Amino acid sequence: MIFIILSINLSFSQEVDCEDLLEYIETNGSYKTSLSNYTLNSSWLYEVTAYEYDFEIYVIAKIKRNEYDYSPRSYIFCGIPSENWSDFQYGGYSDSDSYGDRFHKYIKDYQCTCY
């Protein structure tokens, strides 16, 4: 069951299931780019994909429980500012942090309000 998303400023007309929201964004959002595990070179980040929907950036991150996990779990992050996505993807000014560090710095605080 897909719920209609009326406002993506982290407020919803009703509570939304995270799986439904994730599927909705993958289906209806515009794909921007994806970083694979080879690029990320991380023991816990498997894949990070950005979508745009209704002028907002959504990130779907596949996160491993450990470096040997071959079935990472997907999480969705809402309303990422474009500058944050750019800083995550390319590194901020004088930012030599790893992708894992940059994920914590620029993306993780935007986890969607869903259940």
PDB file of N, CA and C in Angstrom:
ATOM      1  N   MET A   1       0.845  -1.172   0.000  1.00  0.00           N
ATOM      2  CA  MET A   1       0.000   0.000   0.000  1.00  0.00           C
ATOM      3  C   MET A   1       0.895   1.241   0.000  1.00  0.00           C
ATOM      4  N   ILE A   2       0.720   2.128  -0.958  1.00  0.00           N
ATOM      5  CA  ILE A   2       1.500   3.354  -1.058  1.00  0.00           C
ATOM      6  C   ILE A   2       0.657   4.497  -0.503  1.00  0.00           C
ATOM      7  N   PHE A   3       1.251   5.286   0.364  1.00  0.00           N
ATOM      8  CA  PHE A   3       0.575   6.446   0.911  1.00  0.00           C
ATOM      9  C   PHE A   3       0.922   7.657   0.057  1.00  0.00           C
ATOM     10  N   ILE A   4       0.016   8.563  -0.074  1.00  0.00           N
ATOM     11  CA  ILE A   4       0.282   9.782  -0.837  1.00  0.00           C
ATOM     12  C   ILE A   4       1.111  10.706   0.034  1.00  0.00           C
ATOM     13  N   ILE A   5       2.210  11.153  -0.547  1.00  0.00           N
ATOM     14  CA  ILE A   5       3.103  12.050   0.173  1.00  0.00           C
ATOM     15  C   ILE A   5       2.699  13.476  -0.171  1.00  0.00           C
ATOM     16  N   LEU A   6       2.204  14.208   0.794  1.00  0.00           N
ATOM     17  CA  LEU A   6       1.744  15.568   0.546  1.00  0.00           C
ATOM     18  C   LEU A   6       2.832  16.596   0.765  1.00  0.00           C
ATOM     19  N   SER A   7       3.710  16.355   1.701  1.00  0.00           N
ATOM     20  CA  SER A   7       4.777  17.301   1.980  1.00  0.00           C
ATOM     21  C   SER A   7       6.018  16.518   2.341  1.00  0.00           C
ATOM     22  N   ILE A   8       7.133  16.879   1.751  1.00  0.00           N
ATOM     23  CA  ILE A   8       8.349  16.139   2.002  1.00  0.00           C
ATOM     24  C   ILE A   8       9.292  16.942   2.888  1.00  0.00           C
ATOM     25  N   ASN A   9       8.804  17.913   3.576  1.00  0.00           N
ATOM     26  CA  ASN A   9       9.625  18.637   4.541  1.00  0.00           C
ATOM     27  C   ASN A   9       9.661  17.854   5.839  1.00  0.00           C
ATOM     28  N   LEU A  10       9.853  16.547   5.711  1.00  0.00           N
ATOM     29  CA  LEU A  10       9.909  15.614   6.830  1.00  0.00           C
ATOM     30  C   LEU A  10       8.611  15.553   7.617  1.00  0.00           C
ATOM     31  N   SER A  11       7.520  16.012   7.004  1.00  0.00           N
ATOM     32  CA  SER A  11       6.226  15.842   7.650  1.00  0.00           C
ATOM     33  C   SER A  11       5.300  15.190   6.637  1.00  0.00           C
ATOM     34  N   PHE A  12       4.510  14.255   7.089  1.00  0.00           N
ATOM     35  CA  PHE A  12       3.637  13.515   6.204  1.00  0.00           C
ATOM     36  C   PHE A  12       2.209  13.660   6.690  1.00  0.00           C
ATOM     37  N   SER A  13       1.279  13.522   5.747  1.00  0.00           N
ATOM     38  CA  SER A  13      -0.129  13.632   6.111  1.00  0.00           C
ATOM     39  C   SER A  13      -0.528  12.495   7.044  1.00  0.00           C
ATOM     40  N   GLN A  14       0.183  11.393   6.956  1.00  0.00           N
ATOM     41  CA  GLN A  14      -0.039  10.266   7.844  1.00  0.00           C
ATOM     42  C   GLN A  14       1.278   9.505   7.938  1.00  0.00           C
ATOM     43  N   GLU A  15       1.384   8.634   8.892  1.00  0.00           N
ATOM     44  CA  GLU A  15       2.633   7.887   9.032  1.00  0.00           C
ATOM     45  C   GLU A  15       2.847   7.004   7.819  1.00  0.00           C
ATOM     46  N   VAL A  16       4.100   6.916   7.385  1.00  0.00           N
ATOM     47  CA  VAL A  16       4.441   6.168   6.185  1.00  0.00           C
ATOM     48  C   VAL A  16       5.391   5.037   6.551  1.00  0.00           C
ATOM     49  N   ASP A  17       5.148   3.869   5.977  1.00  0.00           N
ATOM     50  CA  ASP A  17       6.039   2.734   6.140  1.00  0.00           C
ATOM     51  C   ASP A  17       7.315   3.013   5.340  1.00  0.00           C
ATOM     52  N   CYS A  18       8.480   2.793   5.928  1.00  0.00           N
ATOM     53  CA  CYS A  18       9.755   3.082   5.267  1.00  0.00           C
ATOM     54  C   CYS A  18       9.924   2.302   3.972  1.00  0.00           C
ATOM     55  N   GLU A  19       9.479   1.050   3.952  1.00  0.00           N
ATOM     56  CA  GLU A  19       9.585   0.250   2.730  1.00  0.00           C
ATOM     57  C   GLU A  19       8.726   0.835   1.615  1.00  0.00           C
ATOM     58  N   ASP A  20       7.515   1.298   1.973  1.00  0.00           N
ATOM     59  CA  ASP A  20       6.635   1.915   0.984  1.00  0.00           C
ATOM     60  C   ASP A  20       7.248   3.211   0.444  1.00  0.00           C
ATOM     61  N   LEU A  21       7.792   4.016   1.339  1.00  0.00           N
ATOM     62  CA  LEU A  21       8.414   5.273   0.934  1.00  0.00           C
ATOM     63  C   LEU A  21       9.616   5.010   0.032  1.00  0.00           C
ATOM     64  N   LEU A  22      10.437   4.067   0.412  1.00  0.00           N
ATOM     65  CA  LEU A  22      11.614   3.701  -0.376  1.00  0.00           C
ATOM     66  C   LEU A  22      11.196   3.262  -1.785  1.00  0.00           C
ATOM     67  N   GLU A  23      10.206   2.391  -1.857  1.00  0.00           N
ATOM     68  CA  GLU A  23       9.711   1.910  -3.150  1.00  0.00           C
ATOM     69  C   GLU A  23       9.115   3.058  -3.969  1.00  0.00           C
ATOM     70  N   TYR A  24       8.395   3.947  -3.302  1.00  0.00           N
ATOM     71  CA  TYR A  24       7.771   5.082  -3.983  1.00  0.00           C
ATOM     72  C   TYR A  24       8.834   5.988  -4.611  1.00  0.00           C
ATOM     73  N   ILE A  25       9.879   6.281  -3.881  1.00  0.00           N
ATOM     74  CA  ILE A  25      10.947   7.156  -4.379  1.00  0.00           C
ATOM     75  C   ILE A  25      11.705   6.472  -5.512  1.00  0.00           C
ATOM     76  N   GLU A  26      11.998   5.195  -5.368  1.00  0.00           N
ATOM     77  CA  GLU A  26      12.685   4.465  -6.445  1.00  0.00           C
ATOM     78  C   GLU A  26      11.856   4.451  -7.727  1.00  0.00           C
ATOM     79  N   THR A  27      10.541   4.342  -7.585  1.00  0.00           N
ATOM     80  CA  THR A  27       9.654   4.252  -8.733  1.00  0.00           C
ATOM     81  C   THR A  27       9.338   5.616  -9.348  1.00  0.00           C
ATOM     82  N   ASN A  28       9.115   6.621  -8.501  1.00  0.00           N
ATOM     83  CA  ASN A  28       8.632   7.918  -8.981  1.00  0.00           C
ATOM     84  C   ASN A  28       9.673   9.028  -8.981  1.00  0.00           C
ATOM     85  N   GLY A  29      10.769   8.815  -8.271  1.00  0.00           N
ATOM     86  CA  GLY A  29      11.801   9.837  -8.240  1.00  0.00           C
ATOM     87  C   GLY A  29      12.675   9.781  -9.483  1.00  0.00           C
ATOM     88  N   SER A  30      13.383  10.856  -9.727  1.00  0.00           N
ATOM     89  CA  SER A  30      14.338  10.904 -10.843  1.00  0.00           C
ATOM     90  C   SER A  30      15.700  10.483 -10.317  1.00  0.00           C
ATOM     91  N   TYR A  31      16.244   9.443 -10.918  1.00  0.00           N
ATOM     92  CA  TYR A  31      17.559   8.938 -10.521  1.00  0.00           C
ATOM     93  C   TYR A  31      18.611  10.016 -10.783  1.00  0.00           C
ATOM     94  N   LYS A  32      19.449  10.301  -9.771  1.00  0.00           N
ATOM     95  CA  LYS A  32      20.545  11.250  -9.939  1.00  0.00           C
ATOM     96  C   LYS A  32      21.859  10.519 -10.177  1.00  0.00           C
ATOM     97  N   THR A  33      22.273   9.746  -9.201  1.00  0.00           N
ATOM     98  CA  THR A  33      23.536   9.015  -9.313  1.00  0.00           C
ATOM     99  C   THR A  33      23.627   7.970  -8.206  1.00  0.00           C
ATOM    100  N   SER A  34      24.565   7.062  -8.377  1.00  0.00           N
ATOM    101  CA  SER A  34      24.762   6.008  -7.394  1.00  0.00           C
ATOM    102  C   SER A  34      26.254   5.772  -7.214  1.00  0.00           C
ATOM    103  N   LEU A  35      26.646   5.508  -5.986  1.00  0.00           N
ATOM    104  CA  LEU A  35      28.030   5.160  -5.675  1.00  0.00           C
ATOM    105  C   LEU A  35      28.034   3.720  -5.179  1.00  0.00           C
ATOM    106  N   SER A  36      28.826   2.882  -5.823  1.00  0.00           N
ATOM    107  CA  SER A  36      28.850   1.461  -5.485  1.00  0.00           C
ATOM    108  C   SER A  36      29.899   1.169  -4.414  1.00  0.00           C
ATOM    109  N   ASN A  37      29.872  -0.084  -3.943  1.00  0.00           N
ATOM    110  CA  ASN A  37      30.807  -0.487  -2.893  1.00  0.00           C
ATOM    111  C   ASN A  37      32.254  -0.350  -3.344  1.00  0.00           C
ATOM    112  N   TYR A  38      32.514  -0.483  -4.654  1.00  0.00           N
ATOM    113  CA  TYR A  38      33.893  -0.347  -5.143  1.00  0.00           C
ATOM    114  C   TYR A  38      34.383   1.093  -4.987  1.00  0.00           C
ATOM    115  N   THR A  39      33.514   2.036  -5.270  1.00  0.00           N
ATOM    116  CA  THR A  39      33.863   3.454  -5.126  1.00  0.00           C
ATOM    117  C   THR A  39      33.922   3.846  -3.655  1.00  0.00           C
ATOM    118  N   LEU A  40      32.928   3.380  -2.881  1.00  0.00           N
ATOM    119  CA  LEU A  40      32.832   3.765  -1.475  1.00  0.00           C
ATOM    120  C   LEU A  40      33.978   3.212  -0.647  1.00  0.00           C
ATOM    121  N   ASN A  41      34.464   2.021  -1.011  1.00  0.00           N
ATOM    122  CA  ASN A  41      35.567   1.392  -0.294  1.00  0.00           C
ATOM    123  C   ASN A  41      35.346   1.442   1.224  1.00  0.00           C
ATOM    124  N   SER A  42      34.171   0.969   1.636  1.00  0.00           N
ATOM    125  CA  SER A  42      33.758   1.048   3.037  1.00  0.00           C
ATOM    126  C   SER A  42      33.425  -0.338   3.561  1.00  0.00           C
ATOM    127  N   SER A  43      33.691  -0.564   4.825  1.00  0.00           N
ATOM    128  CA  SER A  43      33.355  -1.854   5.431  1.00  0.00           C
ATOM    129  C   SER A  43      31.862  -1.946   5.754  1.00  0.00           C
ATOM    130  N   TRP A  44      31.132  -0.826   5.731  1.00  0.00           N
ATOM    131  CA  TRP A  44      29.721  -0.870   6.094  1.00  0.00           C
ATOM    132  C   TRP A  44      28.790  -0.242   5.060  1.00  0.00           C
ATOM    133  N   LEU A  45      29.255   0.698   4.241  1.00  0.00           N
ATOM    134  CA  LEU A  45      28.418   1.262   3.182  1.00  0.00           C
ATOM    135  C   LEU A  45      28.552   0.389   1.940  1.00  0.00           C
ATOM    136  N   TYR A  46      27.435  -0.127   1.440  1.00  0.00           N
ATOM    137  CA  TYR A  46      27.482  -0.988   0.266  1.00  0.00           C
ATOM    138  C   TYR A  46      27.151  -0.209  -1.014  1.00  0.00           C
ATOM    139  N   GLU A  47      26.115   0.623  -0.922  1.00  0.00           N
ATOM    140  CA  GLU A  47      25.714   1.412  -2.078  1.00  0.00           C
ATOM    141  C   GLU A  47      24.933   2.624  -1.588  1.00  0.00           C
ATOM    142  N   VAL A  48      25.141   3.763  -2.235  1.00  0.00           N
ATOM    143  CA  VAL A  48      24.416   4.981  -1.887  1.00  0.00           C
ATOM    144  C   VAL A  48      23.887   5.580  -3.189  1.00  0.00           C
ATOM    145  N   THR A  49      22.562   5.745  -3.263  1.00  0.00           N
ATOM    146  CA  THR A  49      21.917   6.227  -4.480  1.00  0.00           C
ATOM    147  C   THR A  49      21.074   7.451  -4.158  1.00  0.00           C
ATOM    148  N   ALA A  50      21.181   8.459  -5.014  1.00  0.00           N
ATOM    149  CA  ALA A  50      20.405   9.691  -4.837  1.00  0.00           C
ATOM    150  C   ALA A  50      19.301   9.768  -5.891  1.00  0.00           C
ATOM    151  N   TYR A  51      18.126  10.211  -5.450  1.00  0.00           N
ATOM    152  CA  TYR A  51      16.976  10.452  -6.317  1.00  0.00           C
ATOM    153  C   TYR A  51      16.471  11.861  -6.032  1.00  0.00           C
ATOM    154  N   GLU A  52      15.817  12.435  -7.018  1.00  0.00           N
ATOM    155  CA  GLU A  52      15.151  13.716  -6.795  1.00  0.00           C
ATOM    156  C   GLU A  52      13.662  13.518  -7.005  1.00  0.00           C
ATOM    157  N   TYR A  53      12.889  14.039  -6.065  1.00  0.00           N
ATOM    158  CA  TYR A  53      11.438  13.972  -6.168  1.00  0.00           C
ATOM    159  C   TYR A  53      10.869  15.260  -5.598  1.00  0.00           C
ATOM    160  N   ASP A  54      10.023  15.919  -6.357  1.00  0.00           N
ATOM    161  CA  ASP A  54       9.370  17.152  -5.905  1.00  0.00           C
ATOM    162  C   ASP A  54      10.403  18.160  -5.393  1.00  0.00           C
ATOM    163  N   PHE A  55      11.496  18.308  -6.131  1.00  0.00           N
ATOM    164  CA  PHE A  55      12.573  19.260  -5.851  1.00  0.00           C
ATOM    165  C   PHE A  55      13.318  18.980  -4.546  1.00  0.00           C
ATOM    166  N   GLU A  56      13.237  17.754  -4.069  1.00  0.00           N
ATOM    167  CA  GLU A  56      13.957  17.338  -2.865  1.00  0.00           C
ATOM    168  C   GLU A  56      14.866  16.171  -3.233  1.00  0.00           C
ATOM    169  N   ILE A  57      15.993  16.050  -2.529  1.00  0.00           N
ATOM    170  CA  ILE A  57      16.914  14.934  -2.752  1.00  0.00           C
ATOM    171  C   ILE A  57      16.670  13.873  -1.684  1.00  0.00           C
ATOM    172  N   TYR A  58      16.524  12.644  -2.152  1.00  0.00           N
ATOM    173  CA  TYR A  58      16.373  11.484  -1.288  1.00  0.00           C
ATOM    174  C   TYR A  58      17.573  10.580  -1.521  1.00  0.00           C
ATOM    175  N   VAL A  59      18.059   9.981  -0.463  1.00  0.00           N
ATOM    176  CA  VAL A  59      19.187   9.056  -0.576  1.00  0.00           C
ATOM    177  C   VAL A  59      18.749   7.711  -0.034  1.00  0.00           C
ATOM    178  N   ILE A  60      19.003   6.679  -0.826  1.00  0.00           N
ATOM    179  CA  ILE A  60      18.781   5.310  -0.369  1.00  0.00           C
ATOM    180  C   ILE A  60      20.153   4.686  -0.182  1.00  0.00           C
ATOM    181  N   ALA A  61      20.433   4.321   1.042  1.00  0.00           N
ATOM    182  CA  ALA A  61      21.736   3.748   1.384  1.00  0.00           C
ATOM    183  C   ALA A  61      21.569   2.289   1.759  1.00  0.00           C
ATOM    184  N   LYS A  62      22.367   1.440   1.125  1.00  0.00           N
ATOM    185  CA  LYS A  62      22.414   0.025   1.496  1.00  0.00           C
ATOM    186  C   LYS A  62      23.585  -0.128   2.454  1.00  0.00           C
ATOM    187  N   ILE A  63      23.251  -0.545   3.677  1.00  0.00           N
ATOM    188  CA  ILE A  63      24.237  -0.589   4.756  1.00  0.00           C
ATOM    189  C   ILE A  63      24.419  -2.027   5.237  1.00  0.00           C
ATOM    190  N   LYS A  64      25.676  -2.424   5.324  1.00  0.00           N
ATOM    191  CA  LYS A  64      26.017  -3.784   5.766  1.00  0.00           C
ATOM    192  C   LYS A  64      26.114  -3.822   7.296  1.00  0.00           C
ATOM    193  N   ARG A  65      25.769  -4.951   7.867  1.00  0.00           N
ATOM    194  CA  ARG A  65      25.916  -5.133   9.319  1.00  0.00           C
ATOM    195  C   ARG A  65      27.379  -5.327   9.692  1.00  0.00           C
ATOM    196  N   ASN A  66      28.143  -5.907   8.775  1.00  0.00           N
ATOM    197  CA  ASN A  66      29.581  -6.068   8.959  1.00  0.00           C
ATOM    198  C   ASN A  66      30.197  -6.194   7.569  1.00  0.00           C
ATOM    199  N   GLU A  67      31.508  -6.237   7.489  1.00  0.00           N
ATOM    200  CA  GLU A  67      32.154  -6.228   6.173  1.00  0.00           C
ATOM    201  C   GLU A  67      31.897  -7.487   5.354  1.00  0.00           C
ATOM    202  N   TYR A  68      31.398  -8.556   5.975  1.00  0.00           N
ATOM    203  CA  TYR A  68      31.129  -9.810   5.275  1.00  0.00           C
ATOM    204  C   TYR A  68      29.648  -9.992   4.929  1.00  0.00           C
ATOM    205  N   ASP A  69      28.834  -9.011   5.218  1.00  0.00           N
ATOM    206  CA  ASP A  69      27.397  -9.081   4.970  1.00  0.00           C
ATOM    207  C   ASP A  69      27.124  -8.928   3.474  1.00  0.00           C
ATOM    208  N   TYR A  70      26.483  -9.946   2.872  1.00  0.00           N
ATOM    209  CA  TYR A  70      26.158  -9.894   1.452  1.00  0.00           C
ATOM    210  C   TYR A  70      24.686  -9.568   1.211  1.00  0.00           C
ATOM    211  N   SER A  71      23.966  -9.229   2.267  1.00  0.00           N
ATOM    212  CA  SER A  71      22.560  -8.832   2.152  1.00  0.00           C
ATOM    213  C   SER A  71      22.345  -7.528   2.918  1.00  0.00           C
ATOM    214  N   PRO A  72      22.900  -6.427   2.408  1.00  0.00           N
ATOM    215  CA  PRO A  72      22.774  -5.167   3.142  1.00  0.00           C
ATOM    216  C   PRO A  72      21.321  -4.690   3.207  1.00  0.00           C
ATOM    217  N   ARG A  73      21.001  -3.962   4.248  1.00  0.00           N
ATOM    218  CA  ARG A  73      19.655  -3.430   4.451  1.00  0.00           C
ATOM    219  C   ARG A  73      19.582  -2.017   3.874  1.00  0.00           C
ATOM    220  N   SER A  74      18.442  -1.675   3.273  1.00  0.00           N
ATOM    221  CA  SER A  74      18.258  -0.354   2.683  1.00  0.00           C
ATOM    222  C   SER A  74      17.599   0.596   3.672  1.00  0.00           C
ATOM    223  N   TYR A  75      18.108   1.829   3.714  1.00  0.00           N
ATOM    224  CA  TYR A  75      17.569   2.901   4.546  1.00  0.00           C
ATOM    225  C   TYR A  75      17.340   4.105   3.647  1.00  0.00           C
ATOM    226  N   ILE A  76      16.322   4.913   3.985  1.00  0.00           N
ATOM    227  CA  ILE A  76      16.026   6.093   3.176  1.00  0.00           C
ATOM    228  C   ILE A  76      16.214   7.361   4.001  1.00  0.00           C
ATOM    229  N   PHE A  77      16.779   8.362   3.346  1.00  0.00           N
ATOM    230  CA  PHE A  77      17.073   9.657   3.958  1.00  0.00           C
ATOM    231  C   PHE A  77      16.395  10.728   3.113  1.00  0.00           C
ATOM    232  N   CYS A  78      15.711  11.680   3.764  1.00  0.00           N
ATOM    233  CA  CYS A  78      14.842  12.641   3.078  1.00  0.00           C
ATOM    234  C   CYS A  78      15.348  14.078   3.202  1.00  0.00           C
ATOM    235  N   GLY A  79      15.076  14.855   2.163  1.00  0.00           N
ATOM    236  CA  GLY A  79      15.334  16.291   2.219  1.00  0.00           C
ATOM    237  C   GLY A  79      16.798  16.656   2.360  1.00  0.00           C
ATOM    238  N   ILE A  80      17.663  15.921   1.682  1.00  0.00           N
ATOM    239  CA  ILE A  80      19.102  16.203   1.755  1.00  0.00           C
ATOM    240  C   ILE A  80      19.373  17.493   0.991  1.00  0.00           C
ATOM    241  N   PRO A  81      19.989  18.478   1.626  1.00  0.00           N
ATOM    242  CA  PRO A  81      20.354  19.684   0.868  1.00  0.00           C
ATOM    243  C   PRO A  81      21.341  19.337  -0.247  1.00  0.00           C
ATOM    244  N   SER A  82      21.198  19.999  -1.419  1.00  0.00           N
ATOM    245  CA  SER A  82      22.087  19.675  -2.551  1.00  0.00           C
ATOM    246  C   SER A  82      23.547  19.822  -2.190  1.00  0.00           C
ATOM    247  N   GLU A  83      23.859  20.812  -1.369  1.00  0.00           N
ATOM    248  CA  GLU A  83      25.254  21.004  -0.967  1.00  0.00           C
ATOM    249  C   GLU A  83      25.754  19.803  -0.165  1.00  0.00           C
ATOM    250  N   ASN A  84      24.892  19.245   0.689  1.00  0.00           N
ATOM    251  CA  ASN A  84      25.284  18.061   1.464  1.00  0.00           C
ATOM    252  C   ASN A  84      25.548  16.873   0.543  1.00  0.00           C
ATOM    253  N   TRP A  85      24.657  16.693  -0.461  1.00  0.00           N
ATOM    254  CA  TRP A  85      24.870  15.581  -1.375  1.00  0.00           C
ATOM    255  C   TRP A  85      26.183  15.772  -2.133  1.00  0.00           C
ATOM    256  N   SER A  86      26.421  16.973  -2.599  1.00  0.00           N
ATOM    257  CA  SER A  86      27.655  17.267  -3.331  1.00  0.00           C
ATOM    258  C   SER A  86      28.880  17.047  -2.446  1.00  0.00           C
ATOM    259  N   ASP A  87      28.817  17.517  -1.204  1.00  0.00           N
ATOM    260  CA  ASP A  87      29.941  17.329  -0.281  1.00  0.00           C
ATOM    261  C   ASP A  87      30.159  15.860   0.035  1.00  0.00           C
ATOM    262  N   PHE A  88      29.069  15.091   0.123  1.00  0.00           N
ATOM    263  CA  PHE A  88      29.226  13.653   0.330  1.00  0.00           C
ATOM    264  C   PHE A  88      29.872  13.012  -0.898  1.00  0.00           C
ATOM    265  N   GLN A  89      29.337  13.324  -2.060  1.00  0.00           N
ATOM    266  CA  GLN A  89      29.776  12.667  -3.288  1.00  0.00           C
ATOM    267  C   GLN A  89      31.214  13.035  -3.665  1.00  0.00           C
ATOM    268  N   TYR A  90      31.549  14.318  -3.560  1.00  0.00           N
ATOM    269  CA  TYR A  90      32.853  14.781  -4.039  1.00  0.00           C
ATOM    270  C   TYR A  90      33.820  15.174  -2.937  1.00  0.00           C
ATOM    271  N   GLY A  91      33.330  15.301  -1.714  1.00  0.00           N
ATOM    272  CA  GLY A  91      34.164  15.795  -0.616  1.00  0.00           C
ATOM    273  C   GLY A  91      34.000  17.302  -0.530  1.00  0.00           C
ATOM    274  N   GLY A  92      33.839  17.795   0.664  1.00  0.00           N
ATOM    275  CA  GLY A  92      33.684  19.236   0.852  1.00  0.00           C
ATOM    276  C   GLY A  92      35.023  19.935   0.700  1.00  0.00           C
ATOM    277  N   TYR A  93      34.989  21.219   0.857  1.00  0.00           N
ATOM    278  CA  TYR A  93      36.207  22.018   0.788  1.00  0.00           C
ATOM    279  C   TYR A  93      37.202  21.492   1.816  1.00  0.00           C
ATOM    280  N   SER A  94      38.365  21.125   1.381  1.00  0.00           N
ATOM    281  CA  SER A  94      39.419  20.560   2.247  1.00  0.00           C
ATOM    282  C   SER A  94      38.951  19.314   2.985  1.00  0.00           C
ATOM    283  N   ASP A  95      38.029  18.566   2.388  1.00  0.00           N
ATOM    284  CA  ASP A  95      37.458  17.388   3.044  1.00  0.00           C
ATOM    285  C   ASP A  95      38.125  16.132   2.491  1.00  0.00           C
ATOM    286  N   SER A  96      39.020  15.559   3.260  1.00  0.00           N
ATOM    287  CA  SER A  96      39.688  14.330   2.820  1.00  0.00           C
ATOM    288  C   SER A  96      39.141  13.117   3.562  1.00  0.00           C
ATOM    289  N   ASP A  97      37.978  13.273   4.202  1.00  0.00           N
ATOM    290  CA  ASP A  97      37.358  12.174   4.940  1.00  0.00           C
ATOM    291  C   ASP A  97      36.952  11.046   3.991  1.00  0.00           C
ATOM    292  N   SER A  98      36.821   9.855   4.542  1.00  0.00           N
ATOM    293  CA  SER A  98      36.330   8.701   3.784  1.00  0.00           C
ATOM    294  C   SER A  98      34.837   8.900   3.493  1.00  0.00           C
ATOM    295  N   TYR A  99      34.302   8.087   2.591  1.00  0.00           N
ATOM    296  CA  TYR A  99      32.862   8.150   2.323  1.00  0.00           C
ATOM    297  C   TYR A  99      32.053   7.847   3.584  1.00  0.00           C
ATOM    298  N   GLY A 100      32.524   6.924   4.400  1.00  0.00           N
ATOM    299  CA  GLY A 100      31.827   6.615   5.657  1.00  0.00           C
ATOM    300  C   GLY A 100      31.767   7.828   6.570  1.00  0.00           C
ATOM    301  N   ASP A 101      32.889   8.541   6.705  1.00  0.00           N
ATOM    302  CA  ASP A 101      32.915   9.758   7.529  1.00  0.00           C
ATOM    303  C   ASP A 101      32.007  10.832   6.941  1.00  0.00           C
ATOM    304  N   ARG A 102      32.059  10.971   5.617  1.00  0.00           N
ATOM    305  CA  ARG A 102      31.221  11.991   4.969  1.00  0.00           C
ATOM    306  C   ARG A 102      29.740  11.629   5.067  1.00  0.00           C
ATOM    307  N   PHE A 103      29.408  10.328   5.040  1.00  0.00           N
ATOM    308  CA  PHE A 103      28.020   9.914   5.206  1.00  0.00           C
ATOM    309  C   PHE A 103      27.516  10.368   6.576  1.00  0.00           C
ATOM    310  N   HIS A 104      28.323  10.156   7.599  1.00  0.00           N
ATOM    311  CA  HIS A 104      27.946  10.598   8.953  1.00  0.00           C
ATOM    312  C   HIS A 104      27.828  12.117   9.026  1.00  0.00           C
ATOM    313  N   LYS A 105      28.680  12.805   8.329  1.00  0.00           N
ATOM    314  CA  LYS A 105      28.710  14.264   8.390  1.00  0.00           C
ATOM    315  C   LYS A 105      27.574  14.912   7.598  1.00  0.00           C
ATOM    316  N   TYR A 106      27.239  14.374   6.424  1.00  0.00           N
ATOM    317  CA  TYR A 106      26.334  15.067   5.508  1.00  0.00           C
ATOM    318  C   TYR A 106      24.974  14.410   5.272  1.00  0.00           C
ATOM    319  N   ILE A 107      24.815  13.129   5.588  1.00  0.00           N
ATOM    320  CA  ILE A 107      23.579  12.416   5.211  1.00  0.00           C
ATOM    321  C   ILE A 107      22.795  11.866   6.402  1.00  0.00           C
ATOM    322  N   LYS A 108      23.455  11.228   7.352  1.00  0.00           N
ATOM    323  CA  LYS A 108      22.750  10.417   8.358  1.00  0.00           C
ATOM    324  C   LYS A 108      21.726  11.166   9.196  1.00  0.00           C
ATOM    325  N   ASP A 109      21.912  12.463   9.397  1.00  0.00           N
ATOM    326  CA  ASP A 109      20.953  13.226  10.211  1.00  0.00           C
ATOM    327  C   ASP A 109      19.623  13.472   9.490  1.00  0.00           C
ATOM    328  N   TYR A 110      19.519  13.053   8.251  1.00  0.00           N
ATOM    329  CA  TYR A 110      18.312  13.272   7.457  1.00  0.00           C
ATOM    330  C   TYR A 110      17.480  11.999   7.273  1.00  0.00           C
ATOM    331  N   GLN A 111      17.645  11.036   8.174  1.00  0.00           N
ATOM    332  CA  GLN A 111      16.868   9.807   8.058  1.00  0.00           C
ATOM    333  C   GLN A 111      15.376  10.166   8.080  1.00  0.00           C
ATOM    334  N   CYS A 112      14.629   9.581   7.169  1.00  0.00           N
ATOM    335  CA  CYS A 112      13.207   9.906   7.026  1.00  0.00           C
ATOM    336  C   CYS A 112      12.426   9.531   8.271  1.00  0.00           C
ATOM    337  N   THR A 113      11.353  10.298   8.492  1.00  0.00           N
ATOM    338  CA  THR A 113      10.449  10.001   9.578  1.00  0.00           C
ATOM    339  C   THR A 113       9.415   9.007   9.068  1.00  0.00           C
ATOM    340  N   CYS A 114       9.720   7.747   9.266  1.00  0.00           N
ATOM    341  CA  CYS A 114       8.834   6.677   8.826  1.00  0.00           C
ATOM    342  C   CYS A 114       8.999   5.521   9.801  1.00  0.00           C
ATOM    343  N   TYR A 115       8.201   4.519   9.650  1.00  0.00           N
ATOM    344  CA  TYR A 115       8.293   3.375  10.569  1.00  0.00           C
ATOM    345  C   TYR A 115       8.612   2.106   9.834  1.00  0.00           C
TER     346      TYR A 115
END
